[in-house]
Amino acid sequence: MDDNSKLSASDIALLSGNNNDWNGNSFMWIFALLLLAGGGFGNFGWNNGGGGFQSVATQDFIQNGLNDQNIQAMNRDILSAVNNGTAQAVNAVNQAEYEQIAAAKDAQYQLSQSLSSLQALAQQNQAN
């Protein structure tokens, strides 16, 4: 055998599984966990490369939320005022209709009384 067929120290270490890579294959497990947890090395998965946390609220974001709440509160107030105004208008129309119907009934009753009186007078005049 010549010198090319002999195993070197690195060949023996490779074949014996002694790679000095942090207790066997633990480096591969760490690498696999980083890949699974972070989705790659780009920002370790936070915001997928966007440069920060997605859940961090900025002052503008909070102010916009407060403005939206104020607008919704004003819309509720406007809707309440419109509903109250509509209810009052419907009530006023119903009351006016009731009063007109009552006035028409009173006028019809008075007319009926007047016609009865005239009919009684006409019968008296015919009898005389």
N, C-alpha and C. Protein backbone atom coordinates (compact mmCIF):
# COMPACT_ATOMS: atom_id res chain seq x y z
N MET A 1 0.82 -1.17 0.00
CA MET A 1 0.00 0.00 0.00
C MET A 1 0.87 1.23 0.00
N ASP A 2 0.43 2.17 -0.70
CA ASP A 2 1.20 3.40 -0.73
C ASP A 2 0.64 4.40 0.27
N ASP A 3 1.21 5.60 0.36
CA ASP A 3 0.79 6.58 1.36
C ASP A 3 -0.60 7.16 1.07
N ASN A 4 -1.07 7.07 -0.14
CA ASN A 4 -2.37 7.62 -0.49
C ASN A 4 -3.52 6.78 0.06
N SER A 5 -3.31 5.53 0.39
CA SER A 5 -4.37 4.66 0.86
C SER A 5 -4.51 4.68 2.38
N LYS A 6 -3.65 5.38 3.12
CA LYS A 6 -3.73 5.43 4.57
C LYS A 6 -4.75 6.49 4.99
N LEU A 7 -5.43 6.25 6.09
CA LEU A 7 -6.41 7.20 6.62
C LEU A 7 -5.72 8.27 7.44
N SER A 8 -6.16 9.47 7.28
CA SER A 8 -5.60 10.57 8.08
C SER A 8 -6.38 10.68 9.39
N ALA A 9 -5.95 11.55 10.26
CA ALA A 9 -6.62 11.76 11.55
C ALA A 9 -8.01 12.34 11.34
N SER A 10 -8.18 13.23 10.38
CA SER A 10 -9.49 13.81 10.11
C SER A 10 -10.44 12.78 9.52
N ASP A 11 -9.90 11.83 8.70
CA ASP A 11 -10.74 10.76 8.16
C ASP A 11 -11.24 9.87 9.28
N ILE A 12 -10.38 9.56 10.24
CA ILE A 12 -10.76 8.69 11.36
C ILE A 12 -11.80 9.41 12.22
N ALA A 13 -11.64 10.68 12.47
CA ALA A 13 -12.60 11.45 13.25
C ALA A 13 -13.94 11.52 12.54
N LEU A 14 -13.92 11.66 11.23
CA LEU A 14 -15.15 11.73 10.45
C LEU A 14 -15.87 10.40 10.48
N LEU A 15 -15.15 9.31 10.32
CA LEU A 15 -15.77 7.99 10.31
C LEU A 15 -16.25 7.57 11.69
N SER A 16 -15.61 8.03 12.74
CA SER A 16 -16.01 7.66 14.10
C SER A 16 -17.14 8.53 14.61
N GLY A 17 -17.53 9.58 13.92
CA GLY A 17 -18.63 10.45 14.32
C GLY A 17 -18.22 11.49 15.33
N ASN A 18 -16.97 11.68 15.60
CA ASN A 18 -16.50 12.67 16.56
C ASN A 18 -16.16 13.94 15.79
N ASN A 19 -17.17 14.80 15.59
CA ASN A 19 -16.99 16.00 14.77
C ASN A 19 -16.68 17.24 15.61
N ASN A 20 -16.74 17.13 16.93
CA ASN A 20 -16.56 18.28 17.82
C ASN A 20 -17.55 19.41 17.47
N ASP A 21 -18.81 19.02 17.27
CA ASP A 21 -19.82 20.04 16.91
C ASP A 21 -20.85 20.19 18.03
N TRP A 22 -20.40 20.52 19.20
CA TRP A 22 -21.23 20.76 20.36
C TRP A 22 -22.02 19.51 20.73
N ASN A 23 -21.37 18.50 21.21
CA ASN A 23 -21.98 17.27 21.69
C ASN A 23 -22.74 16.54 20.60
N GLY A 24 -22.13 16.20 19.58
CA GLY A 24 -22.77 15.42 18.53
C GLY A 24 -23.50 16.31 17.55
N ASN A 25 -24.81 16.13 17.41
CA ASN A 25 -25.60 16.86 16.42
C ASN A 25 -26.43 17.98 17.05
N SER A 26 -26.07 18.46 18.23
CA SER A 26 -26.86 19.50 18.89
C SER A 26 -26.86 20.80 18.08
N PHE A 27 -25.78 21.10 17.38
CA PHE A 27 -25.77 22.30 16.56
C PHE A 27 -26.85 22.23 15.48
N MET A 28 -27.06 21.05 14.93
CA MET A 28 -28.10 20.89 13.91
C MET A 28 -29.48 21.11 14.51
N TRP A 29 -29.70 20.68 15.77
CA TRP A 29 -30.98 20.89 16.41
C TRP A 29 -31.22 22.37 16.67
N ILE A 30 -30.19 23.06 17.10
CA ILE A 30 -30.32 24.50 17.32
C ILE A 30 -30.64 25.20 16.01
N PHE A 31 -29.97 24.83 14.97
CA PHE A 31 -30.22 25.42 13.66
C PHE A 31 -31.65 25.13 13.20
N ALA A 32 -32.10 23.89 13.40
CA ALA A 32 -33.47 23.51 13.01
C ALA A 32 -34.50 24.28 13.82
N LEU A 33 -34.27 24.44 15.12
CA LEU A 33 -35.21 25.19 15.95
C LEU A 33 -35.27 26.66 15.55
N LEU A 34 -34.12 27.23 15.22
CA LEU A 34 -34.12 28.62 14.76
C LEU A 34 -34.90 28.77 13.45
N LEU A 35 -34.74 27.82 12.58
CA LEU A 35 -35.47 27.87 11.31
C LEU A 35 -36.97 27.74 11.55
N LEU A 36 -37.38 26.81 12.42
CA LEU A 36 -38.80 26.62 12.68
C LEU A 36 -39.41 27.80 13.43
N ALA A 37 -38.71 28.30 14.43
CA ALA A 37 -39.25 29.38 15.25
C ALA A 37 -39.23 30.71 14.53
N GLY A 38 -38.19 30.95 13.76
CA GLY A 38 -38.04 32.27 13.18
C GLY A 38 -38.38 32.37 11.73
N GLY A 39 -38.58 31.28 11.07
CA GLY A 39 -38.88 31.35 9.65
C GLY A 39 -37.67 31.77 8.84
N GLY A 40 -36.49 31.50 9.30
CA GLY A 40 -35.29 31.92 8.60
C GLY A 40 -34.50 32.88 9.46
N PHE A 41 -33.43 33.43 8.92
CA PHE A 41 -32.60 34.33 9.69
C PHE A 41 -32.94 35.79 9.45
N GLY A 42 -33.90 36.10 8.58
CA GLY A 42 -34.26 37.49 8.35
C GLY A 42 -35.04 38.01 9.54
N ASN A 43 -34.44 38.77 10.41
CA ASN A 43 -35.02 39.33 11.62
C ASN A 43 -35.56 38.26 12.55
N PHE A 44 -35.10 37.04 12.39
CA PHE A 44 -35.54 35.92 13.21
C PHE A 44 -37.05 35.79 13.24
N GLY A 45 -37.71 36.09 12.15
CA GLY A 45 -39.14 35.88 12.04
C GLY A 45 -39.99 37.03 12.52
N TRP A 46 -39.38 38.02 13.20
CA TRP A 46 -40.20 39.15 13.65
C TRP A 46 -40.54 40.02 12.45
N ASN A 47 -41.80 40.15 12.18
CA ASN A 47 -42.31 41.02 11.12
C ASN A 47 -41.87 40.56 9.74
N ASN A 48 -41.31 39.39 9.63
CA ASN A 48 -40.91 38.84 8.34
C ASN A 48 -40.12 39.83 7.49
N GLY A 49 -39.11 40.43 8.06
CA GLY A 49 -38.22 41.31 7.32
C GLY A 49 -38.69 42.75 7.27
N GLY A 50 -39.70 43.12 8.07
CA GLY A 50 -40.21 44.48 8.00
C GLY A 50 -39.49 45.46 8.88
N GLY A 51 -38.59 44.99 9.72
CA GLY A 51 -37.78 45.91 10.50
C GLY A 51 -38.37 46.28 11.84
N GLY A 52 -39.14 45.44 12.49
CA GLY A 52 -39.67 45.74 13.81
C GLY A 52 -40.77 44.77 14.16
N PHE A 53 -41.34 44.98 15.34
CA PHE A 53 -42.44 44.13 15.78
C PHE A 53 -43.76 44.65 15.19
N GLN A 54 -44.60 43.74 14.73
CA GLN A 54 -45.89 44.17 14.18
C GLN A 54 -46.84 44.63 15.28
N SER A 55 -46.69 44.09 16.46
CA SER A 55 -47.64 44.40 17.52
C SER A 55 -47.30 45.67 18.28
N VAL A 56 -46.22 46.33 17.97
CA VAL A 56 -45.85 47.56 18.67
C VAL A 56 -46.75 48.69 18.17
N ALA A 57 -47.43 49.34 19.10
CA ALA A 57 -48.34 50.43 18.74
C ALA A 57 -47.57 51.75 18.75
N THR A 58 -47.66 52.48 17.66
CA THR A 58 -47.03 53.79 17.59
C THR A 58 -47.99 54.83 18.12
N GLN A 59 -47.49 56.03 18.36
CA GLN A 59 -48.36 57.10 18.83
C GLN A 59 -49.42 57.44 17.80
N ASP A 60 -49.06 57.39 16.52
CA ASP A 60 -50.04 57.67 15.46
C ASP A 60 -51.14 56.62 15.45
N PHE A 61 -50.75 55.36 15.64
CA PHE A 61 -51.73 54.28 15.66
C PHE A 61 -52.70 54.45 16.82
N ILE A 62 -52.17 54.80 18.00
CA ILE A 62 -53.03 55.01 19.17
C ILE A 62 -53.92 56.23 18.96
N GLN A 63 -53.36 57.31 18.40
CA GLN A 63 -54.16 58.52 18.17
C GLN A 63 -55.27 58.25 17.17
N ASN A 64 -54.97 57.49 16.13
CA ASN A 64 -56.00 57.14 15.15
C ASN A 64 -57.10 56.31 15.80
N GLY A 65 -56.73 55.41 16.70
CA GLY A 65 -57.74 54.63 17.42
C GLY A 65 -58.62 55.50 18.28
N LEU A 66 -58.02 56.46 18.98
CA LEU A 66 -58.81 57.38 19.80
C LEU A 66 -59.71 58.26 18.94
N ASN A 67 -59.19 58.71 17.80
CA ASN A 67 -60.00 59.52 16.89
C ASN A 67 -61.18 58.72 16.38
N ASP A 68 -60.95 57.45 16.05
CA ASP A 68 -62.04 56.60 15.58
C ASP A 68 -63.10 56.43 16.66
N GLN A 69 -62.68 56.29 17.92
CA GLN A 69 -63.64 56.18 19.00
C GLN A 69 -64.45 57.47 19.15
N ASN A 70 -63.79 58.62 19.01
CA ASN A 70 -64.49 59.89 19.11
C ASN A 70 -65.50 60.04 17.98
N ILE A 71 -65.12 59.63 16.79
CA ILE A 71 -66.04 59.72 15.64
C ILE A 71 -67.23 58.80 15.85
N GLN A 72 -66.97 57.60 16.35
CA GLN A 72 -68.07 56.67 16.60
C GLN A 72 -69.00 57.19 17.69
N ALA A 73 -68.45 57.83 18.71
CA ALA A 73 -69.28 58.42 19.77
C ALA A 73 -70.14 59.55 19.20
N MET A 74 -69.56 60.39 18.33
CA MET A 74 -70.34 61.47 17.71
C MET A 74 -71.43 60.89 16.81
N ASN A 75 -71.12 59.82 16.08
CA ASN A 75 -72.13 59.18 15.24
C ASN A 75 -73.27 58.63 16.08
N ARG A 76 -72.95 58.04 17.25
CA ARG A 76 -74.01 57.54 18.13
C ARG A 76 -74.87 58.69 18.63
N ASP A 77 -74.23 59.82 18.97
CA ASP A 77 -75.00 60.98 19.44
C ASP A 77 -75.91 61.52 18.34
N ILE A 78 -75.41 61.59 17.14
CA ILE A 78 -76.22 62.07 16.00
C ILE A 78 -77.38 61.12 15.75
N LEU A 79 -77.10 59.82 15.76
CA LEU A 79 -78.16 58.84 15.53
C LEU A 79 -79.21 58.92 16.62
N SER A 80 -78.78 59.12 17.86
CA SER A 80 -79.73 59.25 18.97
C SER A 80 -80.60 60.50 18.79
N ALA A 81 -79.98 61.61 18.38
CA ALA A 81 -80.74 62.84 18.17
C ALA A 81 -81.74 62.68 17.02
N VAL A 82 -81.31 62.01 15.95
CA VAL A 82 -82.21 61.79 14.82
C VAL A 82 -83.38 60.90 15.24
N ASN A 83 -83.08 59.84 16.00
CA ASN A 83 -84.15 58.95 16.47
C ASN A 83 -85.12 59.68 17.38
N ASN A 84 -84.60 60.52 18.29
CA ASN A 84 -85.48 61.30 19.17
C ASN A 84 -86.32 62.27 18.37
N GLY A 85 -85.71 62.96 17.42
CA GLY A 85 -86.46 63.91 16.58
C GLY A 85 -87.52 63.21 15.76
N THR A 86 -87.20 62.05 15.22
CA THR A 86 -88.18 61.29 14.43
C THR A 86 -89.33 60.85 15.32
N ALA A 87 -89.02 60.36 16.52
CA ALA A 87 -90.07 59.93 17.44
C ALA A 87 -90.98 61.10 17.81
N GLN A 88 -90.40 62.28 18.06
CA GLN A 88 -91.20 63.44 18.40
C GLN A 88 -92.08 63.87 17.22
N ALA A 89 -91.53 63.81 16.01
CA ALA A 89 -92.31 64.19 14.82
C ALA A 89 -93.46 63.21 14.60
N VAL A 90 -93.21 61.94 14.74
CA VAL A 90 -94.27 60.95 14.57
C VAL A 90 -95.34 61.14 15.64
N ASN A 91 -94.92 61.42 16.87
CA ASN A 91 -95.87 61.66 17.95
C ASN A 91 -96.72 62.89 17.66
N ALA A 92 -96.10 63.95 17.16
CA ALA A 92 -96.85 65.18 16.84
C ALA A 92 -97.85 64.92 15.72
N VAL A 93 -97.45 64.17 14.70
CA VAL A 93 -98.37 63.85 13.59
C VAL A 93 -99.53 63.00 14.10
N ASN A 94 -99.24 62.02 14.94
CA ASN A 94 -100.31 61.18 15.48
C ASN A 94 -101.28 61.99 16.34
N GLN A 95 -100.73 62.90 17.15
CA GLN A 95 -101.58 63.74 18.00
C GLN A 95 -102.46 64.65 17.13
N ALA A 96 -101.91 65.25 16.09
CA ALA A 96 -102.69 66.12 15.20
C ALA A 96 -103.77 65.31 14.50
N GLU A 97 -103.44 64.10 14.06
CA GLU A 97 -104.44 63.25 13.40
C GLU A 97 -105.56 62.89 14.37
N TYR A 98 -105.20 62.57 15.61
CA TYR A 98 -106.20 62.24 16.62
C TYR A 98 -107.12 63.44 16.88
N GLU A 99 -106.55 64.63 16.97
CA GLU A 99 -107.35 65.83 17.21
C GLU A 99 -108.27 66.12 16.04
N GLN A 100 -107.79 65.91 14.81
CA GLN A 100 -108.63 66.13 13.63
C GLN A 100 -109.78 65.13 13.58
N ILE A 101 -109.49 63.89 13.91
CA ILE A 101 -110.55 62.87 13.91
C ILE A 101 -111.58 63.19 14.99
N ALA A 102 -111.11 63.61 16.16
CA ALA A 102 -112.03 63.98 17.24
C ALA A 102 -112.88 65.18 16.83
N ALA A 103 -112.28 66.18 16.19
CA ALA A 103 -113.04 67.36 15.73
C ALA A 103 -114.05 66.95 14.68
N ALA A 104 -113.70 66.05 13.77
CA ALA A 104 -114.64 65.59 12.74
C ALA A 104 -115.79 64.82 13.37
N LYS A 105 -115.52 64.00 14.38
CA LYS A 105 -116.59 63.26 15.06
C LYS A 105 -117.54 64.23 15.78
N ASP A 106 -116.95 65.24 16.45
CA ASP A 106 -117.79 66.24 17.13
C ASP A 106 -118.66 66.98 16.14
N ALA A 107 -118.07 67.36 15.00
CA ALA A 107 -118.85 68.08 13.98
C ALA A 107 -119.95 67.17 13.43
N GLN A 108 -119.65 65.89 13.22
CA GLN A 108 -120.66 64.97 12.71
C GLN A 108 -121.78 64.78 13.74
N TYR A 109 -121.43 64.70 15.02
CA TYR A 109 -122.43 64.55 16.07
C TYR A 109 -123.32 65.78 16.14
N GLN A 110 -122.72 66.97 16.07
CA GLN A 110 -123.51 68.20 16.10
C GLN A 110 -124.42 68.30 14.88
N LEU A 111 -123.90 67.90 13.72
CA LEU A 111 -124.72 67.90 12.51
C LEU A 111 -125.88 66.92 12.63
N SER A 112 -125.60 65.77 13.19
CA SER A 112 -126.66 64.77 13.39
C SER A 112 -127.70 65.30 14.36
N GLN A 113 -127.27 65.98 15.44
CA GLN A 113 -128.21 66.58 16.40
C GLN A 113 -129.05 67.66 15.72
N SER A 114 -128.42 68.50 14.91
CA SER A 114 -129.14 69.56 14.21
C SER A 114 -130.14 68.97 13.23
N LEU A 115 -129.77 67.94 12.51
CA LEU A 115 -130.70 67.31 11.56
C LEU A 115 -131.87 66.65 12.28
N SER A 116 -131.59 66.06 13.43
CA SER A 116 -132.68 65.46 14.22
C SER A 116 -133.64 66.53 14.70
N SER A 117 -133.11 67.66 15.13
CA SER A 117 -133.96 68.76 15.58
C SER A 117 -134.79 69.30 14.43
N LEU A 118 -134.17 69.46 13.27
CA LEU A 118 -134.91 69.97 12.11
C LEU A 118 -135.99 68.98 11.68
N GLN A 119 -135.65 67.70 11.74
CA GLN A 119 -136.64 66.68 11.35
C GLN A 119 -137.82 66.69 12.33
N ALA A 120 -137.55 66.85 13.60
CA ALA A 120 -138.62 66.90 14.61
C ALA A 120 -139.47 68.15 14.40
N LEU A 121 -138.85 69.28 14.07
CA LEU A 121 -139.58 70.51 13.79
C LEU A 121 -140.44 70.38 12.54
N ALA A 122 -139.88 69.72 11.52
CA ALA A 122 -140.62 69.53 10.26
C ALA A 122 -141.84 68.65 10.51
N GLN A 123 -141.71 67.62 11.33
CA GLN A 123 -142.84 66.75 11.63
C GLN A 123 -143.89 67.50 12.45
N GLN A 124 -143.49 68.38 13.33
CA GLN A 124 -144.43 69.18 14.12
C GLN A 124 -145.19 70.15 13.24
N ASN A 125 -144.50 70.74 12.28
CA ASN A 125 -145.15 71.69 11.37
C ASN A 125 -146.14 70.97 10.46
N GLN A 126 -145.86 69.76 10.09
CA GLN A 126 -146.79 69.00 9.23
C GLN A 126 -148.01 68.56 10.04
N ALA A 127 -147.81 68.29 11.29
CA ALA A 127 -148.92 67.86 12.14
C ALA A 127 -149.85 69.02 12.44
N ASN A 128 -149.45 70.23 12.43
CA ASN A 128 -150.27 71.41 12.72
C ASN A 128 -150.96 71.87 11.51
